[in-house]
Amino acid sequence: MAGRSSPSFRKRRLGRRLRQLRESAGLTLEEAAPRLDKARSSLHRIENGETRADVHLVRSMMDLYDQYDPGLLDLARDAAKKGWWRQYGLKDFGYVDVETEASRTREFQLINIPGLLQTESYMRPHFMSSYRPPPRDELDNAVAARLYRQQRLTSEAQPMHLHAIVDEAVLRRQVGGVKVMREQLEYLIMASELPTVLLQVIPLGAGSHAAMNGAFDILSFPDPGEPDLFYVEYPTGSMHIEKADQVQEGILLFEHLGATALSPTESVELVCQVLSEST
């Protein structure tokens, strides 16, 4: 259901801004840390988003770096807030908090229906397929949290725009049985009509394609100064990639997959075909 915990998006964003502030002041970590009464390693962890800087430390940094940015104080306050997912008993495992801040996600799936497009009937057997199936209360919380996330596809206040590309195998994999999959495919057809959703399918007849080795997401944010993030999850954890050249390679890969896939109209027709074949 989730991987290893990682620094929260808000702490990473705050840390990155603080590092930029220090560098623009022409100070190294070794120079700045003692003047802030911090060890170099401590300041390094703050700038990496591993630990949080409170508003008092941020004020001291702005004084030292001789730059005042009230937005940094707001970021420090935001970083101290608990994520909405905590009410479901879930820990931050590196993706939900990032998605919460994002306004657009480009997702490729090789095996599963994208989480934002899953029905509850599909989610439950999907979560239970783990080699360590969760207890009932954890399963219920995970399902509730995913359903909550899906509300952003129809939100007017904070909409999420999803461009999903899936392999045709995703449509044909019988998760939960025939009845569950029929309901799931019907929901995909309906969701594809939302203005926030763009669905494409790579048909099996296309043969091998450029992302046969796994799924990934590319998240974009409303703040134009916030770089895109490339996200990959694997069985024991996940990777957040922010290096511009690597993220750009991911974007080019996604665009290539989009060119390989059927058009949105043809993709929905294929979903309808698979649905008609199910018995």
C-alpha atoms as a PDB file:
ATOM      1  CA  MET A   1       0.000   0.000   0.000  1.00  0.00           C
ATOM      2  CA  ALA A   2       2.878   2.369   0.629  1.00  0.00           C
ATOM      3  CA  GLY A   3       6.634   2.582   0.670  1.00  0.00           C
ATOM      4  CA  ARG A   4       9.308   3.984   2.878  1.00  0.00           C
ATOM      5  CA  SER A   5       8.776   7.409   4.395  1.00  0.00           C
ATOM      6  CA  SER A   6      10.548  10.391   2.856  1.00  0.00           C
ATOM      7  CA  PRO A   7      10.852  14.140   3.550  1.00  0.00           C
ATOM      8  CA  SER A   8       7.572  15.972   3.105  1.00  0.00           C
ATOM      9  CA  PHE A   9       7.027  18.165   0.084  1.00  0.00           C
ATOM     10  CA  ARG A  10       6.538  21.282   2.211  1.00  0.00           C
ATOM     11  CA  LYS A  11       9.775  20.763   4.129  1.00  0.00           C
ATOM     12  CA  ARG A  12      11.682  20.120   0.897  1.00  0.00           C
ATOM     13  CA  ARG A  13      10.218  23.253  -0.671  1.00  0.00           C
ATOM     14  CA  LEU A  14      11.125  25.344   2.375  1.00  0.00           C
ATOM     15  CA  GLY A  15      14.624  23.859   2.497  1.00  0.00           C
ATOM     16  CA  ARG A  16      15.236  24.537  -1.176  1.00  0.00           C
ATOM     17  CA  ARG A  17      14.192  28.177  -0.785  1.00  0.00           C
ATOM     18  CA  LEU A  18      16.452  28.591   2.251  1.00  0.00           C
ATOM     19  CA  ARG A  19      19.392  27.107   0.371  1.00  0.00           C
ATOM     20  CA  GLN A  20      18.791  29.511  -2.511  1.00  0.00           C
ATOM     21  CA  LEU A  21      18.703  32.384  -0.033  1.00  0.00           C
ATOM     22  CA  ARG A  22      22.018  31.317   1.515  1.00  0.00           C
ATOM     23  CA  GLU A  23      23.699  30.852  -1.842  1.00  0.00           C
ATOM     24  CA  SER A  24      22.498  34.232  -3.091  1.00  0.00           C
ATOM     25  CA  ALA A  25      24.125  35.749   0.012  1.00  0.00           C
ATOM     26  CA  GLY A  26      27.409  34.119  -1.031  1.00  0.00           C
ATOM     27  CA  LEU A  27      27.728  31.973   2.098  1.00  0.00           C
ATOM     28  CA  THR A  28      28.742  28.325   2.308  1.00  0.00           C
ATOM     29  CA  LEU A  29      27.224  25.849   4.744  1.00  0.00           C
ATOM     30  CA  GLU A  30      30.435  26.000   6.762  1.00  0.00           C
ATOM     31  CA  GLU A  31      30.180  29.794   7.013  1.00  0.00           C
ATOM     32  CA  ALA A  32      26.460  30.066   7.694  1.00  0.00           C
ATOM     33  CA  ALA A  33      25.950  27.231  10.191  1.00  0.00           C
ATOM     34  CA  PRO A  34      27.971  28.587  13.164  1.00  0.00           C
ATOM     35  CA  ARG A  35      26.508  32.068  12.694  1.00  0.00           C
ATOM     36  CA  LEU A  36      23.074  30.476  13.081  1.00  0.00           C
ATOM     37  CA  ASP A  37      24.214  28.410  16.084  1.00  0.00           C
ATOM     38  CA  LYS A  38      23.792  25.278  14.015  1.00  0.00           C
ATOM     39  CA  ALA A  39      26.083  22.409  13.109  1.00  0.00           C
ATOM     40  CA  ARG A  40      26.834  22.133   9.410  1.00  0.00           C
ATOM     41  CA  SER A  41      25.056  18.765   9.285  1.00  0.00           C
ATOM     42  CA  SER A  42      21.981  20.254  10.941  1.00  0.00           C
ATOM     43  CA  LEU A  43      21.748  23.098   8.444  1.00  0.00           C
ATOM     44  CA  HIS A  44      22.330  20.639   5.606  1.00  0.00           C
ATOM     45  CA  ARG A  45      19.377  18.500   6.789  1.00  0.00           C
ATOM     46  CA  ILE A  46      17.158  21.589   6.917  1.00  0.00           C
ATOM     47  CA  GLU A  47      18.082  22.566   3.368  1.00  0.00           C
ATOM     48  CA  ASN A  48      17.419  19.002   2.194  1.00  0.00           C
ATOM     49  CA  GLY A  49      13.989  19.045   3.816  1.00  0.00           C
ATOM     50  CA  GLU A  50      14.877  16.268   6.248  1.00  0.00           C
ATOM     51  CA  THR A  51      14.176  18.503   9.250  1.00  0.00           C
ATOM     52  CA  ARG A  52      12.062  21.632   9.522  1.00  0.00           C
ATOM     53  CA  ALA A  53      13.129  25.192  10.221  1.00  0.00           C
ATOM     54  CA  ASP A  54      10.676  27.039  12.484  1.00  0.00           C
ATOM     55  CA  VAL A  55       9.704  30.686  11.923  1.00  0.00           C
ATOM     56  CA  HIS A  56      12.295  31.907  14.462  1.00  0.00           C
ATOM     57  CA  LEU A  57      15.160  30.202  12.645  1.00  0.00           C
ATOM     58  CA  VAL A  58      13.851  31.438   9.292  1.00  0.00           C
ATOM     59  CA  ARG A  59      13.844  35.008  10.639  1.00  0.00           C
ATOM     60  CA  SER A  60      17.444  34.551  11.809  1.00  0.00           C
ATOM     61  CA  MET A  61      18.402  33.244   8.376  1.00  0.00           C
ATOM     62  CA  MET A  62      16.824  36.219   6.624  1.00  0.00           C
ATOM     63  CA  ASP A  63      18.722  38.553   8.962  1.00  0.00           C
ATOM     64  CA  LEU A  64      22.015  36.755   8.336  1.00  0.00           C
ATOM     65  CA  TYR A  65      21.494  36.579   4.573  1.00  0.00           C
ATOM     66  CA  ASP A  66      20.282  40.205   4.553  1.00  0.00           C
ATOM     67  CA  GLN A  67      17.171  39.293   2.574  1.00  0.00           C
ATOM     68  CA  TYR A  68      13.582  39.545   3.767  1.00  0.00           C
ATOM     69  CA  ASP A  69      10.946  37.311   2.198  1.00  0.00           C
ATOM     70  CA  PRO A  70       7.627  37.108   4.104  1.00  0.00           C
ATOM     71  CA  GLY A  71       6.670  34.160   1.901  1.00  0.00           C
ATOM     72  CA  LEU A  72       9.323  32.075   3.663  1.00  0.00           C
ATOM     73  CA  LEU A  73       7.552  32.587   6.990  1.00  0.00           C
ATOM     74  CA  ASP A  74       4.345  31.298   5.433  1.00  0.00           C
ATOM     75  CA  LEU A  75       6.237  28.281   4.084  1.00  0.00           C
ATOM     76  CA  ALA A  76       7.644  27.596   7.558  1.00  0.00           C
ATOM     77  CA  ARG A  77       4.149  27.708   9.052  1.00  0.00           C
ATOM     78  CA  ASP A  78       2.798  25.433   6.304  1.00  0.00           C
ATOM     79  CA  ALA A  79       5.617  22.946   6.864  1.00  0.00           C
ATOM     80  CA  ALA A  80       4.589  22.665  10.514  1.00  0.00           C
ATOM     81  CA  LYS A  81       1.007  21.680   9.680  1.00  0.00           C
ATOM     82  CA  LYS A  82      -0.053  18.052   9.721  1.00  0.00           C
ATOM     83  CA  GLY A  83      -1.270  16.673   6.409  1.00  0.00           C
ATOM     84  CA  TRP A  84      -4.960  15.915   5.913  1.00  0.00           C
ATOM     85  CA  TRP A  85      -4.123  12.213   5.513  1.00  0.00           C
ATOM     86  CA  ARG A  86      -3.259  11.948   9.211  1.00  0.00           C
ATOM     87  CA  GLN A  87      -6.984  11.942  10.019  1.00  0.00           C
ATOM     88  CA  TYR A  88      -7.116   8.596   8.231  1.00  0.00           C
ATOM     89  CA  GLY A  89      -4.317   7.188  10.352  1.00  0.00           C
ATOM     90  CA  LEU A  90      -1.936   7.244   7.417  1.00  0.00           C
ATOM     91  CA  LYS A  91       1.688   8.291   7.526  1.00  0.00           C
ATOM     92  CA  ASP A  92       3.330  10.364   4.810  1.00  0.00           C
ATOM     93  CA  PHE A  93       5.026   7.891   2.501  1.00  0.00           C
ATOM     94  CA  GLY A  94       6.217  10.425  -0.021  1.00  0.00           C
ATOM     95  CA  TYR A  95       3.475  10.792  -2.605  1.00  0.00           C
ATOM     96  CA  VAL A  96       0.189  11.962  -1.116  1.00  0.00           C
ATOM     97  CA  ASP A  97       1.617  15.188   0.303  1.00  0.00           C
ATOM     98  CA  VAL A  98       3.247  15.989  -3.046  1.00  0.00           C
ATOM     99  CA  GLU A  99       0.055  15.279  -4.964  1.00  0.00           C
ATOM    100  CA  THR A 100      -1.849  17.469  -2.490  1.00  0.00           C
ATOM    101  CA  GLU A 101       0.274  20.456  -3.525  1.00  0.00           C
ATOM    102  CA  ALA A 102       0.258  19.631  -7.245  1.00  0.00           C
ATOM    103  CA  SER A 103      -2.208  20.937  -9.815  1.00  0.00           C
ATOM    104  CA  ARG A 104      -1.390  18.484 -12.597  1.00  0.00           C
ATOM    105  CA  THR A 105      -0.152  14.931 -12.791  1.00  0.00           C
ATOM    106  CA  ARG A 106       0.951  12.908 -15.775  1.00  0.00           C
ATOM    107  CA  GLU A 107       0.767   9.227 -14.893  1.00  0.00           C
ATOM    108  CA  PHE A 108       1.771   6.094 -16.742  1.00  0.00           C
ATOM    109  CA  GLN A 109       0.537   2.730 -15.500  1.00  0.00           C
ATOM    110  CA  LEU A 110       1.652  -0.634 -16.804  1.00  0.00           C
ATOM    111  CA  ILE A 111      -0.328  -2.919 -14.471  1.00  0.00           C
ATOM    112  CA  ASN A 112      -2.927  -1.057 -12.367  1.00  0.00           C
ATOM    113  CA  ILE A 113      -5.729   1.412 -12.975  1.00  0.00           C
ATOM    114  CA  PRO A 114      -4.428   4.864 -11.877  1.00  0.00           C
ATOM    115  CA  GLY A 115      -5.387   5.478  -8.248  1.00  0.00           C
ATOM    116  CA  LEU A 116      -7.384   8.632  -9.010  1.00  0.00           C
ATOM    117  CA  LEU A 117      -9.548   6.611 -11.406  1.00  0.00           C
ATOM    118  CA  GLN A 118     -10.130   3.501  -9.299  1.00  0.00           C
ATOM    119  CA  THR A 119     -13.523   2.456  -7.975  1.00  0.00           C
ATOM    120  CA  GLU A 120     -13.814   1.429  -4.341  1.00  0.00           C
ATOM    121  CA  SER A 121     -14.586  -2.134  -5.425  1.00  0.00           C
ATOM    122  CA  TYR A 122     -11.293  -2.190  -7.340  1.00  0.00           C
ATOM    123  CA  MET A 123      -9.262  -0.564  -4.558  1.00  0.00           C
ATOM    124  CA  ARG A 124     -10.040  -3.172  -1.916  1.00  0.00           C
ATOM    125  CA  PRO A 125      -8.750  -6.284  -3.741  1.00  0.00           C
ATOM    126  CA  HIS A 126      -5.896  -4.185  -5.118  1.00  0.00           C
ATOM    127  CA  PHE A 127      -4.738  -3.222  -1.610  1.00  0.00           C
ATOM    128  CA  MET A 128      -5.313  -6.754  -0.327  1.00  0.00           C
ATOM    129  CA  SER A 129      -3.067  -8.214  -3.038  1.00  0.00           C
ATOM    130  CA  SER A 130      -0.035  -7.060  -1.043  1.00  0.00           C
ATOM    131  CA  TYR A 131       2.156  -9.851   0.264  1.00  0.00           C
ATOM    132  CA  ARG A 132       1.345  -8.325   3.669  1.00  0.00           C
ATOM    133  CA  PRO A 133      -2.396  -7.608   3.459  1.00  0.00           C
ATOM    134  CA  PRO A 134      -3.384  -4.709   5.757  1.00  0.00           C
ATOM    135  CA  PRO A 135      -5.696  -5.117   8.753  1.00  0.00           C
ATOM    136  CA  ARG A 136      -9.335  -4.160   8.123  1.00  0.00           C
ATOM    137  CA  ASP A 137      -9.081  -0.728   9.762  1.00  0.00           C
ATOM    138  CA  GLU A 138      -5.975   0.189   7.735  1.00  0.00           C
ATOM    139  CA  LEU A 139      -7.656  -1.020   4.558  1.00  0.00           C
ATOM    140  CA  ASP A 140     -10.749   1.084   5.253  1.00  0.00           C
ATOM    141  CA  ASN A 141      -8.597   4.151   5.940  1.00  0.00           C
ATOM    142  CA  ALA A 142      -6.540   3.660   2.786  1.00  0.00           C
ATOM    143  CA  VAL A 143      -9.690   3.379   0.688  1.00  0.00           C
ATOM    144  CA  ALA A 144     -11.250   6.446   2.340  1.00  0.00           C
ATOM    145  CA  ALA A 145      -8.098   8.494   1.747  1.00  0.00           C
ATOM    146  CA  ARG A 146      -7.970   7.520  -1.930  1.00  0.00           C
ATOM    147  CA  LEU A 147     -11.641   8.393  -2.392  1.00  0.00           C
ATOM    148  CA  TYR A 148     -10.930  11.749  -0.746  1.00  0.00           C
ATOM    149  CA  ARG A 149      -8.048  12.378  -3.159  1.00  0.00           C
ATOM    150  CA  GLN A 150     -10.316  11.640  -6.113  1.00  0.00           C
ATOM    151  CA  GLN A 151     -12.576  14.553  -5.183  1.00  0.00           C
ATOM    152  CA  ARG A 152     -10.008  16.934  -6.625  1.00  0.00           C
ATOM    153  CA  LEU A 153     -10.890  15.772 -10.139  1.00  0.00           C
ATOM    154  CA  THR A 154     -14.241  17.534  -9.695  1.00  0.00           C
ATOM    155  CA  SER A 155     -13.128  20.290  -7.321  1.00  0.00           C
ATOM    156  CA  GLU A 156     -13.637  23.894  -8.360  1.00  0.00           C
ATOM    157  CA  ALA A 157     -11.452  25.324  -5.590  1.00  0.00           C
ATOM    158  CA  GLN A 158      -8.373  23.130  -6.099  1.00  0.00           C
ATOM    159  CA  PRO A 159      -8.777  20.982  -9.214  1.00  0.00           C
ATOM    160  CA  MET A 160      -6.349  18.269 -10.186  1.00  0.00           C
ATOM    161  CA  HIS A 161      -5.742  17.729 -13.904  1.00  0.00           C
ATOM    162  CA  LEU A 162      -4.845  14.138 -14.723  1.00  0.00           C
ATOM    163  CA  HIS A 163      -3.352  12.887 -17.969  1.00  0.00           C
ATOM    164  CA  ALA A 164      -3.256   9.114 -17.614  1.00  0.00           C
ATOM    165  CA  ILE A 165      -1.656   6.749 -20.097  1.00  0.00           C
ATOM    166  CA  VAL A 166      -2.191   3.050 -19.435  1.00  0.00           C
ATOM    167  CA  ASP A 167      -1.164  -0.152 -21.110  1.00  0.00           C
ATOM    168  CA  GLU A 168      -4.107  -2.177 -22.443  1.00  0.00           C
ATOM    169  CA  ALA A 169      -3.083  -4.943 -20.041  1.00  0.00           C
ATOM    170  CA  VAL A 170      -4.363  -2.690 -17.234  1.00  0.00           C
ATOM    171  CA  LEU A 171      -7.874  -2.961 -18.671  1.00  0.00           C
ATOM    172  CA  ARG A 172      -7.745  -6.722 -19.021  1.00  0.00           C
ATOM    173  CA  ARG A 173      -6.233  -7.658 -15.657  1.00  0.00           C
ATOM    174  CA  GLN A 174      -9.054  -9.171 -13.569  1.00  0.00           C
ATOM    175  CA  VAL A 175      -8.647  -7.377 -10.247  1.00  0.00           C
ATOM    176  CA  GLY A 176     -11.520  -8.451  -7.996  1.00  0.00           C
ATOM    177  CA  GLY A 177     -13.235 -10.527 -10.657  1.00  0.00           C
ATOM    178  CA  VAL A 178     -15.445  -9.899 -13.682  1.00  0.00           C
ATOM    179  CA  LYS A 179     -18.141  -7.866 -11.919  1.00  0.00           C
ATOM    180  CA  VAL A 180     -15.605  -5.538 -10.289  1.00  0.00           C
ATOM    181  CA  MET A 181     -13.780  -5.019 -13.576  1.00  0.00           C
ATOM    182  CA  ARG A 182     -16.982  -4.272 -15.478  1.00  0.00           C
ATOM    183  CA  GLU A 183     -17.825  -1.603 -12.912  1.00  0.00           C
ATOM    184  CA  GLN A 184     -14.268  -0.262 -13.127  1.00  0.00           C
ATOM    185  CA  LEU A 185     -14.294  -0.043 -16.916  1.00  0.00           C
ATOM    186  CA  GLU A 186     -17.688   1.686 -16.871  1.00  0.00           C
ATOM    187  CA  TYR A 187     -16.276   4.187 -14.397  1.00  0.00           C
ATOM    188  CA  LEU A 188     -13.235   4.813 -16.609  1.00  0.00           C
ATOM    189  CA  ILE A 189     -15.535   5.669 -19.506  1.00  0.00           C
ATOM    190  CA  MET A 190     -17.494   8.075 -17.324  1.00  0.00           C
ATOM    191  CA  ALA A 191     -14.370   9.665 -15.785  1.00  0.00           C
ATOM    192  CA  SER A 192     -12.852  10.229 -19.223  1.00  0.00           C
ATOM    193  CA  GLU A 193     -15.660  12.749 -19.859  1.00  0.00           C
ATOM    194  CA  LEU A 194     -14.459  14.996 -17.020  1.00  0.00           C
ATOM    195  CA  PRO A 195     -12.706  18.167 -18.218  1.00  0.00           C
ATOM    196  CA  THR A 196      -9.857  17.411 -15.800  1.00  0.00           C
ATOM    197  CA  VAL A 197      -9.157  13.908 -17.148  1.00  0.00           C
ATOM    198  CA  LEU A 198      -7.342  12.858 -20.306  1.00  0.00           C
ATOM    199  CA  LEU A 199      -7.119   9.099 -20.786  1.00  0.00           C
ATOM    200  CA  GLN A 200      -5.002   7.275 -23.361  1.00  0.00           C
ATOM    201  CA  VAL A 201      -4.386   3.574 -23.867  1.00  0.00           C
ATOM    202  CA  ILE A 202      -1.393   1.884 -25.478  1.00  0.00           C
ATOM    203  CA  PRO A 203      -2.886  -1.151 -27.262  1.00  0.00           C
ATOM    204  CA  LEU A 204      -1.305  -4.556 -26.912  1.00  0.00           C
ATOM    205  CA  GLY A 205      -0.991  -4.631 -30.682  1.00  0.00           C
ATOM    206  CA  ALA A 206       1.557  -1.814 -30.470  1.00  0.00           C
ATOM    207  CA  GLY A 207       4.030  -4.362 -29.130  1.00  0.00           C
ATOM    208  CA  SER A 208       6.931  -3.324 -26.922  1.00  0.00           C
ATOM    209  CA  HIS A 209       7.064   0.323 -25.898  1.00  0.00           C
ATOM    210  CA  ALA A 210       9.453   2.716 -24.146  1.00  0.00           C
ATOM    211  CA  ALA A 211       8.129   2.210 -20.586  1.00  0.00           C
ATOM    212  CA  MET A 212       7.907  -1.551 -20.310  1.00  0.00           C
ATOM    213  CA  ASN A 213      10.009  -1.393 -17.141  1.00  0.00           C
ATOM    214  CA  GLY A 214       7.385   0.309 -14.983  1.00  0.00           C
ATOM    215  CA  ALA A 215       5.016   3.055 -13.913  1.00  0.00           C
ATOM    216  CA  PHE A 216       5.851   6.654 -13.059  1.00  0.00           C
ATOM    217  CA  ASP A 217       4.278  10.051 -12.360  1.00  0.00           C
ATOM    218  CA  ILE A 218       5.256  13.599 -13.257  1.00  0.00           C
ATOM    219  CA  LEU A 219       3.727  16.224 -10.994  1.00  0.00           C
ATOM    220  CA  SER A 220       3.435  19.941 -11.750  1.00  0.00           C
ATOM    221  CA  PHE A 221       2.554  22.726  -9.322  1.00  0.00           C
ATOM    222  CA  PRO A 222       0.584  25.987  -9.492  1.00  0.00           C
ATOM    223  CA  ASP A 223       3.619  28.043  -8.448  1.00  0.00           C
ATOM    224  CA  PRO A 224       5.618  28.595 -11.661  1.00  0.00           C
ATOM    225  CA  GLY A 225       8.778  28.733  -9.579  1.00  0.00           C
ATOM    226  CA  GLU A 226       8.215  25.207  -8.267  1.00  0.00           C
ATOM    227  CA  PRO A 227       9.962  22.634 -10.499  1.00  0.00           C
ATOM    228  CA  ASP A 228       8.187  19.546 -11.798  1.00  0.00           C
ATOM    229  CA  LEU A 229       8.816  16.339  -9.907  1.00  0.00           C
ATOM    230  CA  PHE A 230       9.360  12.852 -11.337  1.00  0.00           C
ATOM    231  CA  TYR A 231       8.089  10.146  -9.005  1.00  0.00           C
ATOM    232  CA  VAL A 232       8.724   6.406  -9.131  1.00  0.00           C
ATOM    233  CA  GLU A 233       7.464   3.885  -6.606  1.00  0.00           C
ATOM    234  CA  TYR A 234       8.967   0.446  -6.108  1.00  0.00           C
ATOM    235  CA  PRO A 235       8.098  -2.400  -3.696  1.00  0.00           C
ATOM    236  CA  THR A 236      10.176  -1.152  -0.768  1.00  0.00           C
ATOM    237  CA  GLY A 237      10.122   2.613  -1.256  1.00  0.00           C
ATOM    238  CA  SER A 238       9.997   5.456  -3.745  1.00  0.00           C
ATOM    239  CA  MET A 239      12.140   8.066  -5.484  1.00  0.00           C
ATOM    240  CA  HIS A 240      11.477  11.790  -5.832  1.00  0.00           C
ATOM    241  CA  ILE A 241      13.547  13.137  -8.715  1.00  0.00           C
ATOM    242  CA  GLU A 242      13.858  16.907  -9.068  1.00  0.00           C
ATOM    243  CA  LYS A 243      17.022  17.251 -11.165  1.00  0.00           C
ATOM    244  CA  ALA A 244      15.940  19.277 -14.175  1.00  0.00           C
ATOM    245  CA  ASP A 245      17.666  17.120 -16.809  1.00  0.00           C
ATOM    246  CA  GLN A 246      16.203  13.882 -15.422  1.00  0.00           C
ATOM    247  CA  VAL A 247      12.709  15.348 -15.075  1.00  0.00           C
ATOM    248  CA  GLN A 248      12.925  16.603 -18.663  1.00  0.00           C
ATOM    249  CA  GLU A 249      13.836  13.093 -19.809  1.00  0.00           C
ATOM    250  CA  GLY A 250      10.748  11.836 -17.983  1.00  0.00           C
ATOM    251  CA  ILE A 251       8.563  14.440 -19.700  1.00  0.00           C
ATOM    252  CA  LEU A 252       9.963  13.463 -23.100  1.00  0.00           C
ATOM    253  CA  LEU A 253       9.289   9.795 -22.287  1.00  0.00           C
ATOM    254  CA  PHE A 254       5.684  10.589 -21.357  1.00  0.00           C
ATOM    255  CA  GLU A 255       5.191  12.602 -24.545  1.00  0.00           C
ATOM    256  CA  HIS A 256       6.609   9.690 -26.534  1.00  0.00           C
ATOM    257  CA  LEU A 257       4.153   7.316 -24.852  1.00  0.00           C
ATOM    258  CA  GLY A 258       1.336   9.736 -25.649  1.00  0.00           C
ATOM    259  CA  ALA A 259       2.314   9.638 -29.315  1.00  0.00           C
ATOM    260  CA  THR A 260       2.443   5.825 -29.202  1.00  0.00           C
ATOM    261  CA  ALA A 261      -0.944   5.521 -27.490  1.00  0.00           C
ATOM    262  CA  LEU A 262      -4.354   5.747 -29.076  1.00  0.00           C
ATOM    263  CA  SER A 263      -6.064   9.120 -29.143  1.00  0.00           C
ATOM    264  CA  PRO A 264      -8.418   9.861 -26.234  1.00  0.00           C
ATOM    265  CA  THR A 265     -11.452   9.036 -28.397  1.00  0.00           C
ATOM    266  CA  GLU A 266      -9.916   5.802 -29.691  1.00  0.00           C
ATOM    267  CA  SER A 267      -8.835   4.927 -26.148  1.00  0.00           C
ATOM    268  CA  VAL A 268     -12.390   5.172 -24.818  1.00  0.00           C
ATOM    269  CA  GLU A 269     -13.546   3.047 -27.754  1.00  0.00           C
ATOM    270  CA  LEU A 270     -11.026   0.395 -26.725  1.00  0.00           C
ATOM    271  CA  VAL A 271     -12.249   0.509 -23.117  1.00  0.00           C
ATOM    272  CA  CYS A 272     -15.784   0.006 -24.438  1.00  0.00           C
ATOM    273  CA  GLN A 273     -14.571  -2.938 -26.537  1.00  0.00           C
ATOM    274  CA  VAL A 274     -12.891  -4.613 -23.551  1.00  0.00           C
ATOM    275  CA  LEU A 275     -16.046  -4.008 -21.516  1.00  0.00           C
ATOM    276  CA  SER A 276     -18.215  -5.633 -24.191  1.00  0.00           C
ATOM    277  CA  GLU A 277     -15.926  -8.668 -24.235  1.00  0.00           C
ATOM    278  CA  SER A 278     -16.189  -9.234 -20.483  1.00  0.00           C
ATOM    279  CA  THR A 279     -18.690 -11.825 -19.317  1.00  0.00           C
END
